[in-house]
N, C-alpha and C. Protein backbone atom coordinates (compact mmCIF):
# COMPACT_ATOMS: atom_id res chain seq x y z
N MET A 1 36.54 -46.68 -62.32
CA MET A 1 37.91 -46.21 -62.40
C MET A 1 38.16 -45.28 -61.21
N THR A 2 39.22 -45.55 -60.50
CA THR A 2 39.62 -44.64 -59.43
C THR A 2 40.87 -43.90 -59.89
N ASN A 3 41.08 -42.74 -59.33
CA ASN A 3 42.29 -42.01 -59.71
C ASN A 3 43.03 -41.55 -58.46
N ARG A 4 44.30 -41.30 -58.66
CA ARG A 4 45.17 -40.86 -57.57
C ARG A 4 45.74 -39.48 -57.90
N ILE A 5 44.98 -38.68 -58.63
CA ILE A 5 45.48 -37.37 -59.05
C ILE A 5 45.88 -36.54 -57.84
N ARG A 6 45.00 -36.47 -56.83
CA ARG A 6 45.28 -35.64 -55.66
C ARG A 6 46.56 -36.11 -54.95
N ILE A 7 46.74 -37.42 -54.83
CA ILE A 7 47.92 -37.96 -54.15
C ILE A 7 49.19 -37.63 -54.92
N VAL A 8 49.17 -37.87 -56.24
CA VAL A 8 50.35 -37.60 -57.06
C VAL A 8 50.62 -36.11 -57.10
N ARG A 9 49.57 -35.30 -57.18
CA ARG A 9 49.74 -33.84 -57.16
C ARG A 9 50.42 -33.39 -55.87
N ALA A 10 49.97 -33.95 -54.75
CA ALA A 10 50.54 -33.58 -53.45
C ALA A 10 52.00 -34.00 -53.36
N GLU A 11 52.31 -35.18 -53.86
CA GLU A 11 53.69 -35.65 -53.84
C GLU A 11 54.59 -34.70 -54.62
N ARG A 12 54.07 -34.15 -55.70
CA ARG A 12 54.87 -33.28 -56.56
C ARG A 12 54.66 -31.80 -56.23
N ARG A 13 53.82 -31.54 -55.23
CA ARG A 13 53.53 -30.17 -54.78
C ARG A 13 53.05 -29.29 -55.94
N LEU A 14 52.07 -29.81 -56.67
CA LEU A 14 51.49 -29.08 -57.80
C LEU A 14 50.05 -28.70 -57.48
N SER A 15 49.63 -27.55 -57.94
CA SER A 15 48.24 -27.14 -57.79
C SER A 15 47.42 -27.68 -58.96
N GLN A 16 46.12 -27.68 -58.80
CA GLN A 16 45.25 -28.08 -59.90
C GLN A 16 45.45 -27.16 -61.10
N ALA A 17 45.67 -25.90 -60.84
CA ALA A 17 45.86 -24.93 -61.93
C ALA A 17 47.09 -25.27 -62.77
N VAL A 18 48.17 -25.66 -62.11
CA VAL A 18 49.39 -26.03 -62.84
C VAL A 18 49.15 -27.29 -63.66
N VAL A 19 48.51 -28.29 -63.05
CA VAL A 19 48.21 -29.53 -63.78
C VAL A 19 47.31 -29.22 -64.97
N ALA A 20 46.31 -28.39 -64.76
CA ALA A 20 45.39 -28.04 -65.84
C ALA A 20 46.12 -27.35 -66.99
N ARG A 21 46.99 -26.40 -66.66
CA ARG A 21 47.74 -25.70 -67.70
C ARG A 21 48.62 -26.66 -68.48
N ARG A 22 49.35 -27.54 -67.76
CA ARG A 22 50.22 -28.51 -68.42
C ARG A 22 49.43 -29.49 -69.29
N ALA A 23 48.22 -29.85 -68.83
CA ALA A 23 47.40 -30.84 -69.55
C ALA A 23 46.52 -30.18 -70.61
N ARG A 24 46.59 -28.86 -70.73
CA ARG A 24 45.78 -28.11 -71.69
C ARG A 24 44.29 -28.37 -71.51
N MET A 25 43.83 -28.21 -70.26
CA MET A 25 42.40 -28.29 -69.96
C MET A 25 42.10 -27.33 -68.83
N SER A 26 40.82 -27.11 -68.59
CA SER A 26 40.45 -26.16 -67.54
C SER A 26 40.66 -26.77 -66.15
N GLN A 27 40.84 -25.89 -65.18
CA GLN A 27 40.97 -26.36 -63.81
C GLN A 27 39.67 -27.02 -63.36
N THR A 28 38.55 -26.53 -63.84
CA THR A 28 37.25 -27.12 -63.50
C THR A 28 37.19 -28.57 -63.96
N MET A 29 37.72 -28.83 -65.15
CA MET A 29 37.75 -30.20 -65.69
C MET A 29 38.65 -31.08 -64.84
N VAL A 30 39.84 -30.59 -64.50
CA VAL A 30 40.77 -31.36 -63.66
C VAL A 30 40.13 -31.66 -62.31
N SER A 31 39.47 -30.66 -61.74
CA SER A 31 38.80 -30.86 -60.45
C SER A 31 37.71 -31.92 -60.54
N ALA A 32 36.91 -31.85 -61.59
CA ALA A 32 35.82 -32.84 -61.76
C ALA A 32 36.37 -34.25 -61.91
N ILE A 33 37.45 -34.39 -62.66
CA ILE A 33 38.07 -35.71 -62.84
C ILE A 33 38.70 -36.17 -61.53
N GLU A 34 39.43 -35.26 -60.86
CA GLU A 34 40.08 -35.60 -59.59
C GLU A 34 39.07 -36.06 -58.55
N ASN A 35 37.92 -35.41 -58.51
CA ASN A 35 36.89 -35.74 -57.52
C ASN A 35 35.91 -36.79 -58.01
N GLU A 36 36.25 -37.40 -59.15
CA GLU A 36 35.49 -38.51 -59.75
C GLU A 36 34.04 -38.14 -60.04
N ARG A 37 33.83 -36.87 -60.40
CA ARG A 37 32.51 -36.43 -60.86
C ARG A 37 32.40 -36.59 -62.37
N ARG A 38 33.54 -36.82 -63.02
CA ARG A 38 33.60 -36.99 -64.46
C ARG A 38 34.61 -38.07 -64.80
N GLU A 39 34.25 -38.93 -65.73
CA GLU A 39 35.13 -40.03 -66.18
C GLU A 39 35.99 -39.50 -67.33
N PRO A 40 37.33 -39.52 -67.18
CA PRO A 40 38.18 -38.98 -68.23
C PRO A 40 38.30 -39.94 -69.42
N SER A 41 38.47 -39.36 -70.59
CA SER A 41 38.74 -40.17 -71.78
C SER A 41 40.19 -40.68 -71.69
N LYS A 42 40.54 -41.62 -72.55
CA LYS A 42 41.92 -42.13 -72.57
C LYS A 42 42.90 -40.99 -72.85
N GLY A 43 42.53 -40.11 -73.77
CA GLY A 43 43.39 -38.97 -74.10
C GLY A 43 43.59 -38.04 -72.92
N GLU A 44 42.50 -37.78 -72.19
CA GLU A 44 42.60 -36.92 -71.00
C GLU A 44 43.44 -37.59 -69.92
N GLN A 45 43.30 -38.90 -69.78
CA GLN A 45 44.13 -39.62 -68.81
C GLN A 45 45.60 -39.45 -69.15
N LYS A 46 45.94 -39.60 -70.41
CA LYS A 46 47.34 -39.47 -70.84
C LYS A 46 47.86 -38.06 -70.60
N ARG A 47 47.03 -37.05 -70.92
CA ARG A 47 47.46 -35.66 -70.74
C ARG A 47 47.67 -35.33 -69.27
N ILE A 48 46.77 -35.80 -68.42
CA ILE A 48 46.91 -35.54 -66.97
C ILE A 48 48.15 -36.25 -66.43
N ALA A 49 48.33 -37.51 -66.80
CA ALA A 49 49.51 -38.26 -66.34
C ALA A 49 50.79 -37.58 -66.79
N LYS A 50 50.81 -37.14 -68.05
CA LYS A 50 52.00 -36.44 -68.56
C LYS A 50 52.23 -35.14 -67.79
N ALA A 51 51.14 -34.41 -67.49
CA ALA A 51 51.25 -33.17 -66.72
C ALA A 51 51.81 -33.43 -65.32
N LEU A 52 51.47 -34.60 -64.77
CA LEU A 52 51.97 -34.97 -63.43
C LEU A 52 53.34 -35.64 -63.50
N ARG A 53 53.78 -35.90 -64.73
CA ARG A 53 55.05 -36.61 -64.96
C ARG A 53 55.06 -37.96 -64.25
N ALA A 54 53.98 -38.70 -64.48
CA ALA A 54 53.79 -40.03 -63.87
C ALA A 54 53.15 -40.95 -64.90
N PRO A 55 53.38 -42.26 -64.76
CA PRO A 55 52.74 -43.19 -65.68
C PRO A 55 51.21 -43.18 -65.50
N VAL A 56 50.50 -43.39 -66.59
CA VAL A 56 49.04 -43.42 -66.54
C VAL A 56 48.58 -44.44 -65.50
N GLU A 57 49.25 -45.59 -65.44
CA GLU A 57 48.86 -46.65 -64.51
C GLU A 57 48.99 -46.22 -63.06
N ARG A 58 49.88 -45.29 -62.77
CA ARG A 58 50.05 -44.80 -61.39
C ARG A 58 48.93 -43.83 -61.01
N VAL A 59 48.46 -43.07 -61.99
CA VAL A 59 47.46 -42.04 -61.72
C VAL A 59 46.04 -42.58 -61.79
N PHE A 60 45.78 -43.44 -62.77
CA PHE A 60 44.44 -43.98 -62.97
C PHE A 60 44.47 -45.50 -62.81
N GLN A 61 43.63 -45.99 -61.91
CA GLN A 61 43.58 -47.43 -61.64
C GLN A 61 42.17 -47.94 -61.90
N PRO A 62 42.05 -49.04 -62.65
CA PRO A 62 40.71 -49.60 -62.86
C PRO A 62 40.16 -50.18 -61.56
N GLU A 63 38.84 -50.18 -61.45
CA GLU A 63 38.19 -50.81 -60.30
C GLU A 63 38.50 -52.30 -60.33
N ALA A 64 38.32 -52.98 -59.21
CA ALA A 64 38.63 -54.41 -59.12
C ALA A 64 37.94 -55.21 -60.21
N ASP A 65 36.69 -54.90 -60.50
CA ASP A 65 35.97 -55.68 -61.51
C ASP A 65 36.35 -55.30 -62.94
N GLU A 66 37.12 -54.22 -63.12
CA GLU A 66 37.58 -53.82 -64.44
C GLU A 66 38.97 -54.35 -64.75
N ARG A 67 39.69 -54.84 -63.75
CA ARG A 67 41.06 -55.32 -63.94
C ARG A 67 41.09 -56.59 -64.76
N ASP A 68 42.17 -56.74 -65.52
CA ASP A 68 42.36 -57.94 -66.33
C ASP A 68 42.78 -59.13 -65.49
N ASP A 69 43.57 -58.86 -64.46
CA ASP A 69 44.10 -59.97 -63.66
C ASP A 69 43.07 -60.43 -62.64
N ASP A 70 43.12 -61.70 -62.34
CA ASP A 70 42.22 -62.26 -61.34
C ASP A 70 42.84 -62.25 -59.95
N GLU A 71 44.11 -61.89 -59.88
CA GLU A 71 44.81 -61.88 -58.60
C GLU A 71 44.45 -60.62 -57.83
N PRO A 72 44.07 -60.77 -56.58
CA PRO A 72 43.81 -59.56 -55.78
C PRO A 72 45.13 -58.86 -55.50
N ARG A 73 45.08 -57.56 -55.37
CA ARG A 73 46.30 -56.82 -55.04
C ARG A 73 46.62 -57.05 -53.57
N ARG A 74 47.89 -57.25 -53.31
CA ARG A 74 48.26 -57.50 -51.92
C ARG A 74 48.24 -56.20 -51.16
N LYS A 75 47.91 -56.31 -49.88
CA LYS A 75 47.90 -55.13 -49.02
C LYS A 75 49.33 -54.77 -48.66
N LEU A 76 49.57 -53.49 -48.50
CA LEU A 76 50.89 -53.04 -48.07
C LEU A 76 51.07 -53.36 -46.59
N THR A 77 52.30 -53.71 -46.24
CA THR A 77 52.60 -53.89 -44.82
C THR A 77 52.61 -52.51 -44.17
N ARG A 78 52.54 -52.47 -42.87
CA ARG A 78 52.54 -51.19 -42.15
C ARG A 78 53.81 -50.40 -42.47
N ASN A 79 54.96 -51.09 -42.54
CA ASN A 79 56.21 -50.40 -42.87
C ASN A 79 56.16 -49.82 -44.27
N GLU A 80 55.58 -50.55 -45.23
CA GLU A 80 55.45 -50.04 -46.60
C GLU A 80 54.51 -48.84 -46.64
N GLN A 81 53.45 -48.89 -45.85
CA GLN A 81 52.52 -47.76 -45.78
C GLN A 81 53.23 -46.52 -45.24
N LEU A 82 53.96 -46.70 -44.14
CA LEU A 82 54.67 -45.58 -43.52
C LEU A 82 55.74 -45.01 -44.44
N GLN A 83 56.44 -45.88 -45.17
CA GLN A 83 57.47 -45.44 -46.09
C GLN A 83 56.86 -44.65 -47.25
N ALA A 84 55.74 -45.13 -47.79
CA ALA A 84 55.07 -44.42 -48.87
C ALA A 84 54.61 -43.04 -48.41
N ALA A 85 54.06 -42.97 -47.21
CA ALA A 85 53.62 -41.69 -46.66
C ALA A 85 54.81 -40.75 -46.46
N ALA A 86 55.89 -41.27 -45.89
CA ALA A 86 57.08 -40.45 -45.65
C ALA A 86 57.67 -39.96 -46.97
N ASP A 87 57.72 -40.83 -47.97
CA ASP A 87 58.25 -40.44 -49.28
C ASP A 87 57.45 -39.31 -49.90
N ALA A 88 56.16 -39.28 -49.60
CA ALA A 88 55.28 -38.24 -50.14
C ALA A 88 55.23 -37.01 -49.24
N GLY A 89 55.94 -37.03 -48.11
CA GLY A 89 56.00 -35.87 -47.23
C GLY A 89 54.92 -35.81 -46.17
N TYR A 90 54.28 -36.94 -45.90
CA TYR A 90 53.23 -36.99 -44.87
C TYR A 90 53.77 -37.65 -43.61
N ASP A 91 53.15 -37.32 -42.48
CA ASP A 91 53.57 -37.91 -41.21
C ASP A 91 52.96 -39.27 -40.97
N THR A 92 51.75 -39.50 -41.49
CA THR A 92 51.07 -40.77 -41.25
C THR A 92 50.45 -41.30 -42.53
N TRP A 93 50.19 -42.59 -42.55
CA TRP A 93 49.53 -43.24 -43.68
C TRP A 93 48.12 -42.67 -43.86
N GLU A 94 47.44 -42.41 -42.75
CA GLU A 94 46.08 -41.89 -42.81
C GLU A 94 46.04 -40.51 -43.47
N GLU A 95 47.03 -39.65 -43.17
CA GLU A 95 47.10 -38.35 -43.83
C GLU A 95 47.33 -38.53 -45.33
N TYR A 96 48.24 -39.43 -45.66
CA TYR A 96 48.58 -39.71 -47.05
C TYR A 96 47.34 -40.16 -47.82
N ARG A 97 46.54 -40.99 -47.22
CA ARG A 97 45.33 -41.51 -47.85
C ARG A 97 44.18 -40.52 -47.78
N GLY A 98 44.36 -39.38 -47.10
CA GLY A 98 43.32 -38.37 -47.01
C GLY A 98 42.25 -38.70 -45.99
N GLU A 99 42.58 -39.55 -45.02
CA GLU A 99 41.60 -39.98 -44.03
C GLU A 99 41.61 -39.10 -42.80
N ARG A 100 42.53 -38.16 -42.73
CA ARG A 100 42.57 -37.23 -41.59
C ARG A 100 42.68 -35.82 -42.08
């Protein structure tokens, strides 16, 4: 399972502490889940998504081998990448993805 907690948090300009308080868990727990050192339960996934005000599917994504569908996800075009980055307040797609 991969998560996009850091990306969604950045889009909404929220700190881990705020997410933790809203989700009724410790910041240490949120950090461990965000950094994929701990696998969240379904309940924790729901609480974190609700704290981020985002759908669970947007925040937590199953790995390719865990997905129900056999269709590979299509890659975003460069324009779609740039638009997603701009919408989130980043200058480049690489910054948005945390690669710089």
